[in-house]
């Protein structure tokens, strides 16, 4: 009897120990429930329509910003100087990618100048032309852009005023004089044939010096087969 009572007491202890050592996962966890009378924060949307309403002002602002962006006006596109210069070139282009002798004659006629007028030489100087009687597309278009000229009337005005002033400016005149030699010579030659040199010098030196006439007469007296180097051609620049 005494022993049996002792065993029962031990069994009770083991049962209690098993309850204490049971894992937490076997415990029931109660999630707190907010009171039924709780209200959500006033700054949160309560419906889909409110969310869409909040997005609308942002989309409208983007649209208004886009609408206010500058647009090219038709007159601005039509007034593109590069395009106008290109159209002017095409008006006189008579050879592949260039204004040749026929186109040059037509251009001079529309400008109201003689093809042998010195203003045409000054135009060639500003265009940095490489061959007498020809303006390539690149020379013509880049040259007119450089002097800010995009139509025939502007060019006519420049030739009758600004180009004449260039000839009166000592520094610019010397540059035009040097350019004339390279412009008039053929290919890679280092000289000008006498008839070409006399014609070019006569164009450049009109009323420039009292020695001009005597110098030209001297060249013609020397002989038709004389060729002029760049140094001899520029000799009149030393006249006072």
Protein backbone atom coordinates (compact mmCIF):
# COMPACT_ATOMS: atom_id res chain seq x y z
CA UNK A 1 0.00 0.00 0.00
CA UNK A 2 2.72 2.39 1.01
CA UNK A 3 4.62 1.69 -2.16
CA UNK A 4 1.61 2.07 -4.38
CA UNK A 5 0.85 5.48 -2.96
CA UNK A 6 4.38 6.55 -3.65
CA UNK A 7 4.11 5.59 -7.35
CA UNK A 8 0.94 7.63 -7.85
CA UNK A 9 2.57 10.71 -6.46
CA UNK A 10 5.47 10.29 -8.89
CA UNK A 11 3.07 9.99 -11.78
CA UNK A 12 1.42 13.26 -10.89
CA UNK A 13 4.77 15.04 -10.85
CA UNK A 14 5.64 13.75 -14.32
CA UNK A 15 2.35 14.95 -15.71
CA UNK A 16 2.89 18.42 -14.34
CA UNK A 17 6.42 18.54 -15.79
CA UNK A 18 5.15 17.62 -19.21
CA UNK A 19 2.75 20.60 -19.17
CA UNK A 20 5.48 23.05 -18.18
CA UNK A 21 7.88 21.83 -20.86
CA UNK A 22 5.31 21.92 -23.77
CA UNK A 23 6.50 23.98 -26.82
CA UNK A 24 5.16 27.57 -27.45
CA UNK A 25 3.71 26.51 -30.78
CA UNK A 26 1.16 24.50 -28.93
CA UNK A 27 -0.01 27.56 -27.05
CA UNK A 28 -2.99 29.52 -28.37
CA UNK A 29 -2.14 33.14 -29.37
CA UNK A 30 -4.87 35.77 -29.33
CA UNK A 31 -4.60 38.62 -31.91
CA UNK A 32 -5.77 41.96 -30.52
CA UNK A 33 -8.91 43.22 -32.25
CA UNK A 34 -9.36 46.97 -32.55
CA UNK A 35 -12.48 48.37 -30.93
CA UNK A 36 -15.50 48.46 -33.20
CA UNK A 37 -15.87 52.22 -32.85
CA UNK A 38 -12.29 52.97 -34.18
CA UNK A 39 -12.13 55.25 -37.28
CA UNK A 40 -9.37 55.27 -39.97
CA UNK A 41 -7.09 58.34 -40.31
CA UNK A 42 -8.79 61.15 -42.18
CA UNK A 43 -5.90 61.47 -44.72
CA UNK A 44 -6.32 57.98 -46.19
CA UNK A 45 -8.54 57.43 -49.25
CA UNK A 46 -11.66 55.43 -48.49
CA UNK A 47 -12.52 54.46 -52.08
CA UNK A 48 -11.02 53.86 -55.57
CA UNK A 49 -12.67 57.02 -56.86
CA UNK A 50 -10.79 59.10 -54.31
CA UNK A 51 -7.47 57.52 -55.44
CA UNK A 52 -8.23 58.37 -59.08
CA UNK A 53 -9.23 61.90 -58.08
CA UNK A 54 -5.85 62.39 -56.40
CA UNK A 55 -4.02 61.25 -59.58
CA UNK A 56 -6.01 63.52 -61.89
CA UNK A 57 -4.35 66.85 -60.90
CA UNK A 58 -0.87 65.35 -61.56
CA UNK A 59 -1.90 64.16 -65.03
CA UNK A 60 -3.53 67.52 -65.82
CA UNK A 61 -0.38 69.33 -64.73
CA UNK A 62 1.75 67.18 -67.05
CA UNK A 63 -0.66 67.86 -69.91
CA UNK A 64 -0.61 71.61 -69.28
CA UNK A 65 3.22 71.60 -69.16
CA UNK A 66 3.33 69.71 -72.45
CA UNK A 67 0.85 72.11 -74.04
CA UNK A 68 2.93 75.10 -72.92
CA UNK A 69 6.12 73.74 -74.53
CA UNK A 70 7.29 75.96 -77.44
CA UNK A 71 6.27 74.84 -80.88
CA UNK A 72 7.92 75.68 -84.16
CA UNK A 73 5.84 78.10 -86.11
CA UNK A 74 5.43 77.58 -89.85
CA UNK A 75 7.04 80.94 -90.55
CA UNK A 76 10.08 79.95 -88.45
CA UNK A 77 10.55 76.75 -90.42
CA UNK A 78 10.11 78.65 -93.68
CA UNK A 79 12.66 81.24 -92.49
CA UNK A 80 15.45 78.72 -91.95
CA UNK A 81 18.51 80.55 -93.38
CA UNK A 82 20.34 77.34 -94.26
CA UNK A 83 17.38 76.11 -96.27
CA UNK A 84 17.04 79.46 -98.05
CA UNK A 85 20.73 79.46 -98.99
CA UNK A 86 20.42 75.92 -100.31
CA UNK A 87 17.42 76.97 -102.42
CA UNK A 88 19.41 79.94 -103.73
CA UNK A 89 22.25 77.62 -104.72
CA UNK A 90 19.88 75.26 -106.55
CA UNK A 91 18.46 78.24 -108.43
CA UNK A 92 21.83 78.84 -110.14
CA UNK A 93 23.36 75.36 -110.05
CA UNK A 94 24.12 74.31 -113.64
CA UNK A 95 26.72 71.60 -113.04
CA UNK A 96 26.98 68.66 -110.71
CA UNK A 97 27.21 70.08 -107.20
CA UNK A 98 28.41 73.49 -108.45
CA UNK A 99 27.48 76.81 -110.02
CA UNK A 100 29.43 76.85 -113.27
CA UNK A 101 30.00 79.51 -115.95
CA UNK A 102 26.39 79.55 -117.17
CA UNK A 103 25.01 79.70 -113.64
CA UNK A 104 27.54 82.37 -112.73
CA UNK A 105 26.46 84.51 -115.66
CA UNK A 106 22.81 84.17 -114.60
CA UNK A 107 23.68 85.02 -111.00
CA UNK A 108 25.58 88.16 -112.03
CA UNK A 109 22.69 89.21 -114.26
CA UNK A 110 20.23 88.90 -111.38
CA UNK A 111 22.63 90.81 -109.12
CA UNK A 112 22.93 93.55 -111.70
CA UNK A 113 26.72 93.33 -111.97
CA UNK A 114 29.18 92.56 -114.74
CA UNK A 115 30.86 89.14 -114.27
CA UNK A 116 34.20 90.97 -114.56
CA UNK A 117 33.32 93.50 -111.84
CA UNK A 118 35.67 93.49 -108.88
CA UNK A 119 32.74 92.90 -106.49
CA UNK A 120 32.44 89.39 -107.98
CA UNK A 121 36.08 88.78 -107.05
CA UNK A 122 35.37 89.99 -103.49
CA UNK A 123 32.39 87.63 -103.36
CA UNK A 124 34.68 84.76 -104.40
CA UNK A 125 37.08 85.84 -101.62
CA UNK A 126 34.33 85.66 -98.99
CA UNK A 127 33.22 82.26 -100.31
CA UNK A 128 36.86 81.07 -100.33
CA UNK A 129 36.32 79.78 -103.87
CA UNK A 130 39.10 77.64 -105.32
CA UNK A 131 38.49 77.91 -109.06
CA UNK A 132 37.67 80.93 -111.18
CA UNK A 133 34.20 80.72 -112.74
CA UNK A 134 32.90 78.12 -110.26
CA UNK A 135 31.26 78.09 -106.83
CA UNK A 136 30.85 74.63 -105.33
CA UNK A 137 27.85 73.85 -103.12
CA UNK A 138 30.03 73.88 -100.00
CA UNK A 139 31.77 77.14 -100.92
CA UNK A 140 28.52 78.90 -101.76
CA UNK A 141 26.45 77.72 -98.78
CA UNK A 142 29.14 78.01 -96.10
CA UNK A 143 30.36 81.32 -97.47
CA UNK A 144 26.93 82.95 -97.44
CA UNK A 145 26.32 81.64 -93.92
CA UNK A 146 29.60 83.24 -92.85
CA UNK A 147 28.56 86.66 -94.15
CA UNK A 148 24.99 86.22 -92.85
CA UNK A 149 23.35 86.37 -96.27
CA UNK A 150 20.42 84.14 -97.22
CA UNK A 151 18.79 85.82 -100.21
CA UNK A 152 19.57 87.65 -103.43
CA UNK A 153 18.59 91.12 -102.17
CA UNK A 154 20.98 90.87 -99.21
CA UNK A 155 23.76 89.72 -101.49
CA UNK A 156 23.11 92.58 -103.89
CA UNK A 157 23.30 95.04 -100.98
CA UNK A 158 26.57 93.54 -99.72
CA UNK A 159 28.18 93.71 -103.14
CA UNK A 160 27.27 97.36 -103.62
CA UNK A 161 28.31 98.54 -100.16
CA UNK A 162 30.23 96.21 -97.81
CA UNK A 163 32.38 94.67 -100.53
CA UNK A 164 33.39 98.12 -101.73
CA UNK A 165 34.43 98.99 -98.19
CA UNK A 166 36.55 95.84 -98.05
CA UNK A 167 38.64 97.23 -100.89
CA UNK A 168 39.25 100.45 -98.95
CA UNK A 169 40.45 98.61 -95.86
CA UNK A 170 44.23 98.16 -96.22
CA UNK A 171 44.38 94.84 -94.38
CA UNK A 172 41.41 93.29 -96.15
CA UNK A 173 42.60 94.57 -99.52
CA UNK A 174 45.95 92.79 -99.08
CA UNK A 175 44.12 89.57 -98.23
CA UNK A 176 41.95 89.90 -101.34
CA UNK A 177 45.07 90.63 -103.41
CA UNK A 178 46.78 87.45 -102.21
CA UNK A 179 43.60 85.46 -102.71
CA UNK A 180 43.33 86.70 -106.31
CA UNK A 181 46.59 85.02 -107.30
CA UNK A 182 45.52 81.59 -106.00
CA UNK A 183 42.04 82.04 -107.42
CA UNK A 184 43.26 82.90 -110.91
CA UNK A 185 46.04 80.33 -111.33
CA UNK A 186 45.33 76.94 -112.88
CA UNK A 187 45.64 73.82 -110.76
CA UNK A 188 48.90 73.41 -108.89
CA UNK A 189 50.85 75.93 -110.93
CA UNK A 190 53.09 78.33 -109.03
CA UNK A 191 52.58 81.17 -111.49
CA UNK A 192 50.07 83.12 -113.59
CA UNK A 193 50.35 83.48 -117.33
CA UNK A 194 50.92 87.09 -118.32
CA UNK A 195 47.50 87.80 -119.93
CA UNK A 196 45.68 86.44 -116.87
CA UNK A 197 47.97 88.32 -114.49
CA UNK A 198 47.52 91.63 -116.33
CA UNK A 199 43.74 91.24 -116.39
CA UNK A 200 43.62 90.47 -112.67
CA UNK A 201 46.02 93.26 -111.74
CA UNK A 202 44.06 95.74 -113.84
CA UNK A 203 40.92 94.74 -111.91
CA UNK A 204 42.59 95.07 -108.53
CA UNK A 205 44.72 98.15 -109.05
CA UNK A 206 42.24 100.56 -110.62
CA UNK A 207 42.97 103.97 -109.11
CA UNK A 208 45.08 102.38 -106.37
CA UNK A 209 48.41 104.01 -107.22
CA UNK A 210 49.88 106.37 -109.81
CA UNK A 211 52.44 103.66 -110.56
CA UNK A 212 49.82 101.10 -111.56
CA UNK A 213 49.54 102.05 -115.22
CA UNK A 214 53.30 102.14 -115.73
CA UNK A 215 53.71 98.74 -114.02
CA UNK A 216 51.08 97.12 -116.26
CA UNK A 217 52.67 98.65 -119.36
CA UNK A 218 56.03 97.28 -118.27
CA UNK A 219 54.61 93.74 -117.94
CA UNK A 220 53.12 93.87 -121.41
CA UNK A 221 56.36 95.17 -122.90
CA UNK A 222 58.32 92.27 -121.43
CA UNK A 223 56.52 89.74 -123.62
CA UNK A 224 53.46 87.56 -123.88
CA UNK A 225 55.33 84.46 -122.72
CA UNK A 226 56.32 85.83 -119.31
CA UNK A 227 54.78 84.09 -116.30
CA UNK A 228 54.31 85.89 -113.00
CA UNK A 229 55.15 84.29 -109.68
CA UNK A 230 53.26 85.16 -106.53
CA UNK A 231 56.06 87.50 -105.47
CA UNK A 232 56.01 89.52 -108.71
CA UNK A 233 52.21 89.56 -108.73
CA UNK A 234 52.14 91.11 -105.27
CA UNK A 235 54.81 93.69 -106.10
CA UNK A 236 52.23 96.51 -106.49
CA UNK A 237 51.34 96.15 -102.82
CA UNK A 238 54.62 97.90 -102.06
CA UNK A 239 53.64 100.96 -104.09
CA UNK A 240 52.96 104.04 -102.04
